[in-house]
N, C-alpha and C. Protein backbone atom coordinates (compact mmCIF):
# COMPACT_ATOMS: atom_id res chain seq x y z
N MET A 1 0.84 -1.18 0.00
CA MET A 1 0.00 0.00 0.00
C MET A 1 0.89 1.24 0.00
N PRO A 2 0.64 2.19 -0.88
CA PRO A 2 1.47 3.40 -0.92
C PRO A 2 1.41 4.17 0.40
N GLU A 3 2.49 4.86 0.64
CA GLU A 3 2.61 5.70 1.82
C GLU A 3 1.44 6.69 1.93
N ASP A 4 0.84 6.78 3.09
CA ASP A 4 -0.24 7.74 3.38
C ASP A 4 -1.50 7.52 2.55
N PHE A 5 -1.68 6.33 2.02
CA PHE A 5 -2.83 6.08 1.16
C PHE A 5 -4.15 6.29 1.89
N TYR A 6 -4.25 5.80 3.12
CA TYR A 6 -5.51 5.92 3.86
C TYR A 6 -5.79 7.37 4.24
N ARG A 7 -4.78 8.12 4.49
CA ARG A 7 -4.95 9.55 4.77
C ARG A 7 -5.51 10.25 3.53
N TYR A 8 -4.98 9.88 2.40
CA TYR A 8 -5.45 10.44 1.13
C TYR A 8 -6.93 10.10 0.92
N LEU A 9 -7.30 8.85 1.16
CA LEU A 9 -8.70 8.45 1.01
C LEU A 9 -9.61 9.22 1.97
N SER A 10 -9.16 9.46 3.18
CA SER A 10 -9.95 10.23 4.14
C SER A 10 -10.18 11.65 3.65
N GLN A 11 -9.16 12.23 3.06
CA GLN A 11 -9.31 13.58 2.52
C GLN A 11 -10.33 13.58 1.38
N ILE A 12 -10.27 12.60 0.52
CA ILE A 12 -11.22 12.50 -0.59
C ILE A 12 -12.64 12.36 -0.04
N GLU A 13 -12.82 11.54 0.96
CA GLU A 13 -14.15 11.36 1.56
C GLU A 13 -14.69 12.68 2.10
N ARG A 14 -13.85 13.48 2.77
CA ARG A 14 -14.29 14.77 3.30
C ARG A 14 -14.71 15.71 2.17
N THR A 15 -13.99 15.71 1.09
CA THR A 15 -14.32 16.63 0.00
C THR A 15 -15.61 16.25 -0.70
N LEU A 16 -15.96 14.98 -0.68
CA LEU A 16 -17.20 14.55 -1.33
C LEU A 16 -18.44 15.11 -0.63
N ASP A 17 -18.28 15.51 0.62
CA ASP A 17 -19.38 16.11 1.38
C ASP A 17 -19.45 17.62 1.21
N ASP A 18 -18.58 18.17 0.40
CA ASP A 18 -18.50 19.63 0.21
C ASP A 18 -19.02 19.97 -1.18
N PRO A 19 -20.27 20.46 -1.29
CA PRO A 19 -20.84 20.73 -2.62
C PRO A 19 -20.10 21.82 -3.39
N VAL A 20 -19.53 22.79 -2.69
CA VAL A 20 -18.77 23.84 -3.38
C VAL A 20 -17.51 23.23 -3.99
N TYR A 21 -16.85 22.38 -3.23
CA TYR A 21 -15.64 21.73 -3.74
C TYR A 21 -15.97 20.89 -4.97
N ILE A 22 -17.05 20.14 -4.91
CA ILE A 22 -17.45 19.31 -6.05
C ILE A 22 -17.73 20.18 -7.27
N ALA A 23 -18.42 21.30 -7.07
CA ALA A 23 -18.71 22.22 -8.19
C ALA A 23 -17.41 22.78 -8.76
N LEU A 24 -16.46 23.10 -7.89
CA LEU A 24 -15.17 23.62 -8.36
C LEU A 24 -14.41 22.56 -9.16
N ILE A 25 -14.46 21.33 -8.71
CA ILE A 25 -13.79 20.23 -9.44
C ILE A 25 -14.40 20.09 -10.84
N LYS A 26 -15.72 20.16 -10.92
CA LYS A 26 -16.38 20.05 -12.23
C LYS A 26 -15.97 21.20 -13.14
N ARG A 27 -15.94 22.42 -12.59
CA ARG A 27 -15.53 23.57 -13.40
C ARG A 27 -14.07 23.46 -13.81
N TRP A 28 -13.22 22.94 -12.90
CA TRP A 28 -11.80 22.75 -13.22
C TRP A 28 -11.68 21.82 -14.43
N SER A 29 -12.43 20.75 -14.42
CA SER A 29 -12.39 19.80 -15.52
C SER A 29 -12.80 20.49 -16.83
N GLN A 30 -13.87 21.25 -16.79
CA GLN A 30 -14.33 21.98 -17.99
C GLN A 30 -13.28 22.98 -18.46
N ALA A 31 -12.57 23.58 -17.52
CA ALA A 31 -11.57 24.60 -17.86
C ALA A 31 -10.42 24.03 -18.67
N GLY A 32 -10.26 22.73 -18.65
CA GLY A 32 -9.21 22.13 -19.47
C GLY A 32 -9.39 22.42 -20.95
N ASP A 33 -10.60 22.75 -21.37
CA ASP A 33 -10.87 23.06 -22.77
C ASP A 33 -10.77 24.56 -23.08
N TRP A 34 -10.53 25.38 -22.06
CA TRP A 34 -10.44 26.82 -22.26
C TRP A 34 -9.04 27.22 -22.69
N GLU A 35 -8.95 28.38 -23.32
CA GLU A 35 -7.65 28.97 -23.61
C GLU A 35 -7.10 29.57 -22.32
N ALA A 36 -5.79 29.66 -22.21
CA ALA A 36 -5.17 30.18 -20.98
C ALA A 36 -5.58 31.61 -20.67
N ASP A 37 -5.88 32.40 -21.71
CA ASP A 37 -6.23 33.80 -21.48
C ASP A 37 -7.75 34.03 -21.36
N ASP A 38 -8.51 32.97 -21.28
CA ASP A 38 -9.96 33.09 -21.11
C ASP A 38 -10.23 33.76 -19.76
N PRO A 39 -11.07 34.78 -19.70
CA PRO A 39 -11.33 35.47 -18.43
C PRO A 39 -11.94 34.57 -17.35
N ARG A 40 -12.55 33.47 -17.76
CA ARG A 40 -13.10 32.54 -16.79
C ARG A 40 -12.01 31.87 -15.95
N VAL A 41 -10.78 31.82 -16.50
CA VAL A 41 -9.67 31.22 -15.76
C VAL A 41 -9.42 32.02 -14.48
N ASP A 42 -9.36 33.35 -14.60
CA ASP A 42 -9.15 34.19 -13.42
C ASP A 42 -10.29 34.02 -12.42
N GLU A 43 -11.51 34.00 -12.92
CA GLU A 43 -12.67 33.87 -12.04
C GLU A 43 -12.64 32.54 -11.28
N LEU A 44 -12.32 31.47 -11.99
CA LEU A 44 -12.30 30.16 -11.36
C LEU A 44 -11.13 30.05 -10.38
N ALA A 45 -9.98 30.59 -10.74
CA ALA A 45 -8.83 30.57 -9.83
C ALA A 45 -9.16 31.33 -8.54
N THR A 46 -9.84 32.45 -8.67
CA THR A 46 -10.24 33.22 -7.48
C THR A 46 -11.21 32.43 -6.63
N ALA A 47 -12.18 31.78 -7.26
CA ALA A 47 -13.14 30.96 -6.52
C ALA A 47 -12.44 29.83 -5.79
N TRP A 48 -11.48 29.18 -6.45
CA TRP A 48 -10.72 28.10 -5.83
C TRP A 48 -9.94 28.62 -4.63
N ALA A 49 -9.20 29.69 -4.84
CA ALA A 49 -8.37 30.23 -3.76
C ALA A 49 -9.24 30.65 -2.58
N ASP A 50 -10.36 31.31 -2.85
CA ASP A 50 -11.27 31.72 -1.78
C ASP A 50 -11.77 30.52 -0.99
N HIS A 51 -12.14 29.46 -1.70
CA HIS A 51 -12.66 28.27 -1.02
C HIS A 51 -11.56 27.59 -0.19
N LEU A 52 -10.36 27.53 -0.74
CA LEU A 52 -9.26 26.92 0.01
C LEU A 52 -8.90 27.74 1.24
N LEU A 53 -8.90 29.06 1.09
CA LEU A 53 -8.59 29.91 2.24
C LEU A 53 -9.66 29.82 3.32
N ALA A 54 -10.90 29.65 2.90
CA ALA A 54 -12.00 29.51 3.86
C ALA A 54 -12.04 28.11 4.49
N ASN A 55 -11.40 27.15 3.84
CA ASN A 55 -11.40 25.76 4.30
C ASN A 55 -9.97 25.21 4.27
N PRO A 56 -9.12 25.69 5.16
CA PRO A 56 -7.70 25.32 5.08
C PRO A 56 -7.41 23.83 5.21
N SER A 57 -8.36 23.06 5.74
CA SER A 57 -8.12 21.62 5.82
C SER A 57 -8.04 20.99 4.43
N LEU A 58 -8.53 21.70 3.42
CA LEU A 58 -8.43 21.21 2.05
C LEU A 58 -7.03 21.38 1.48
N ILE A 59 -6.24 22.23 2.12
CA ILE A 59 -4.87 22.48 1.66
C ILE A 59 -3.97 21.53 2.43
N THR A 60 -3.78 20.38 1.85
CA THR A 60 -2.97 19.37 2.53
C THR A 60 -1.92 18.82 1.58
N THR A 61 -0.89 18.35 2.19
CA THR A 61 0.16 17.63 1.48
C THR A 61 0.33 16.32 2.20
N LEU A 62 0.46 15.28 1.47
CA LEU A 62 0.71 13.99 2.12
C LEU A 62 2.04 14.09 2.88
N PRO A 63 2.03 13.72 4.16
CA PRO A 63 3.26 13.84 4.95
C PRO A 63 4.45 13.15 4.31
N GLY A 64 4.21 12.06 3.62
CA GLY A 64 5.30 11.35 2.98
C GLY A 64 6.04 12.20 1.96
N LEU A 65 5.33 13.14 1.34
CA LEU A 65 6.00 14.01 0.38
C LEU A 65 6.90 15.01 1.09
N ARG A 66 6.53 15.42 2.29
CA ARG A 66 7.33 16.40 3.02
C ARG A 66 8.60 15.78 3.57
N THR A 67 8.59 14.49 3.86
CA THR A 67 9.74 13.87 4.53
C THR A 67 10.68 13.15 3.58
N ARG A 68 10.30 12.95 2.37
CA ARG A 68 11.16 12.24 1.41
C ARG A 68 12.20 13.19 0.84
N HIS A 69 13.36 12.65 0.51
CA HIS A 69 14.40 13.48 -0.10
C HIS A 69 13.95 13.99 -1.48
N ASP A 70 13.08 13.25 -2.13
CA ASP A 70 12.58 13.66 -3.44
C ASP A 70 11.12 14.14 -3.36
N GLY A 71 10.68 14.47 -2.16
CA GLY A 71 9.28 14.87 -1.95
C GLY A 71 8.87 16.09 -2.74
N ALA A 72 9.74 17.09 -2.80
CA ALA A 72 9.40 18.31 -3.54
C ALA A 72 9.20 17.99 -5.02
N ALA A 73 10.07 17.17 -5.57
CA ALA A 73 9.95 16.80 -6.98
C ALA A 73 8.68 16.00 -7.23
N ARG A 74 8.37 15.08 -6.34
CA ARG A 74 7.15 14.29 -6.49
C ARG A 74 5.91 15.18 -6.37
N GLY A 75 5.92 16.08 -5.41
CA GLY A 75 4.80 17.00 -5.24
C GLY A 75 4.60 17.86 -6.47
N GLU A 76 5.69 18.31 -7.03
CA GLU A 76 5.64 19.13 -8.25
C GLU A 76 5.03 18.34 -9.40
N LEU A 77 5.42 17.09 -9.54
CA LEU A 77 4.86 16.24 -10.60
C LEU A 77 3.36 16.05 -10.42
N LEU A 78 2.93 15.81 -9.18
CA LEU A 78 1.51 15.62 -8.91
C LEU A 78 0.73 16.90 -9.17
N SER A 79 1.28 18.03 -8.75
CA SER A 79 0.58 19.31 -8.89
C SER A 79 0.45 19.76 -10.33
N HIS A 80 1.41 19.40 -11.13
CA HIS A 80 1.46 19.95 -12.49
C HIS A 80 1.24 18.90 -13.59
N HIS A 81 0.78 17.73 -13.20
CA HIS A 81 0.51 16.67 -14.17
C HIS A 81 -0.54 17.13 -15.19
N GLY A 82 -0.26 16.96 -16.45
CA GLY A 82 -1.23 17.25 -17.51
C GLY A 82 -1.31 18.69 -17.94
N GLU A 83 -0.52 19.55 -17.34
CA GLU A 83 -0.64 20.97 -17.66
C GLU A 83 -0.16 21.30 -19.08
N ASP A 84 0.74 20.49 -19.62
CA ASP A 84 1.21 20.76 -20.98
C ASP A 84 0.08 20.69 -21.99
N GLN A 85 -0.86 19.80 -21.73
CA GLN A 85 -1.98 19.64 -22.65
C GLN A 85 -3.13 20.59 -22.33
N LYS A 86 -3.13 21.17 -21.16
CA LYS A 86 -4.24 22.02 -20.71
C LYS A 86 -3.69 23.35 -20.18
N PRO A 87 -3.41 24.32 -21.06
CA PRO A 87 -2.80 25.58 -20.63
C PRO A 87 -3.62 26.36 -19.61
N ALA A 88 -4.93 26.25 -19.65
CA ALA A 88 -5.75 26.95 -18.66
C ALA A 88 -5.49 26.39 -17.27
N TRP A 89 -5.26 25.08 -17.17
CA TRP A 89 -4.95 24.48 -15.87
C TRP A 89 -3.63 25.04 -15.33
N THR A 90 -2.66 25.18 -16.22
CA THR A 90 -1.37 25.73 -15.81
C THR A 90 -1.55 27.12 -15.23
N ARG A 91 -2.28 27.96 -15.94
CA ARG A 91 -2.49 29.33 -15.48
C ARG A 91 -3.27 29.36 -14.18
N MET A 92 -4.30 28.53 -14.05
CA MET A 92 -5.07 28.51 -12.81
C MET A 92 -4.21 28.07 -11.63
N THR A 93 -3.38 27.08 -11.83
CA THR A 93 -2.51 26.61 -10.77
C THR A 93 -1.60 27.73 -10.29
N VAL A 94 -1.01 28.45 -11.22
CA VAL A 94 -0.13 29.57 -10.88
C VAL A 94 -0.91 30.64 -10.10
N LEU A 95 -2.10 30.98 -10.58
CA LEU A 95 -2.90 32.02 -9.92
C LEU A 95 -3.33 31.59 -8.51
N ILE A 96 -3.74 30.36 -8.37
CA ILE A 96 -4.17 29.87 -7.05
C ILE A 96 -2.98 29.85 -6.09
N GLU A 97 -1.87 29.31 -6.53
CA GLU A 97 -0.68 29.25 -5.67
C GLU A 97 -0.23 30.65 -5.27
N ALA A 98 -0.29 31.61 -6.19
CA ALA A 98 0.10 32.99 -5.87
C ALA A 98 -0.83 33.59 -4.82
N ARG A 99 -2.11 33.34 -4.96
CA ARG A 99 -3.08 33.87 -3.99
C ARG A 99 -2.87 33.25 -2.61
N LEU A 100 -2.62 31.95 -2.57
CA LEU A 100 -2.37 31.29 -1.30
C LEU A 100 -1.06 31.79 -0.67
N HIS A 101 -0.05 31.95 -1.51
CA HIS A 101 1.24 32.46 -1.03
C HIS A 101 1.06 33.87 -0.45
N ALA A 102 0.28 34.71 -1.14
CA ALA A 102 0.04 36.08 -0.65
C ALA A 102 -0.69 36.07 0.69
N ALA A 103 -1.44 35.01 0.96
CA ALA A 103 -2.16 34.88 2.22
C ALA A 103 -1.29 34.23 3.30
N GLY A 104 -0.03 33.94 2.95
CA GLY A 104 0.88 33.38 3.93
C GLY A 104 0.93 31.87 3.97
N ILE A 105 0.34 31.22 2.98
CA ILE A 105 0.34 29.76 2.93
C ILE A 105 1.38 29.31 1.92
N GLU A 106 2.32 28.53 2.41
CA GLU A 106 3.37 28.01 1.56
C GLU A 106 2.95 26.68 0.97
N MET A 107 3.02 26.58 -0.31
CA MET A 107 2.72 25.33 -0.99
C MET A 107 4.01 24.54 -1.11
N PRO A 108 3.92 23.22 -0.98
CA PRO A 108 5.13 22.40 -1.09
C PRO A 108 5.71 22.43 -2.48
């Protein structure tokens, strides 16, 4: 069983009870078809950042990624998987991370 697998499943279970989170996930998926400069990207990134800031328990990193010598690289791969094919996702990720960073939250 992968490291922290059950913790990951618990986090998924909590998010399934959050209708705003589910709506954001659906919009994120749709955004994969948008151009990076589509104004909806900014709107969705703001909605995501606002929801994460209001619900900090959603901002988690698997502890195993923090303690591994290659944890930062693995976290980066997980965070940015598929962005080459979906430029709007890349832009949203950057905008969300910047907003969280401005609020004092460091992303791994």
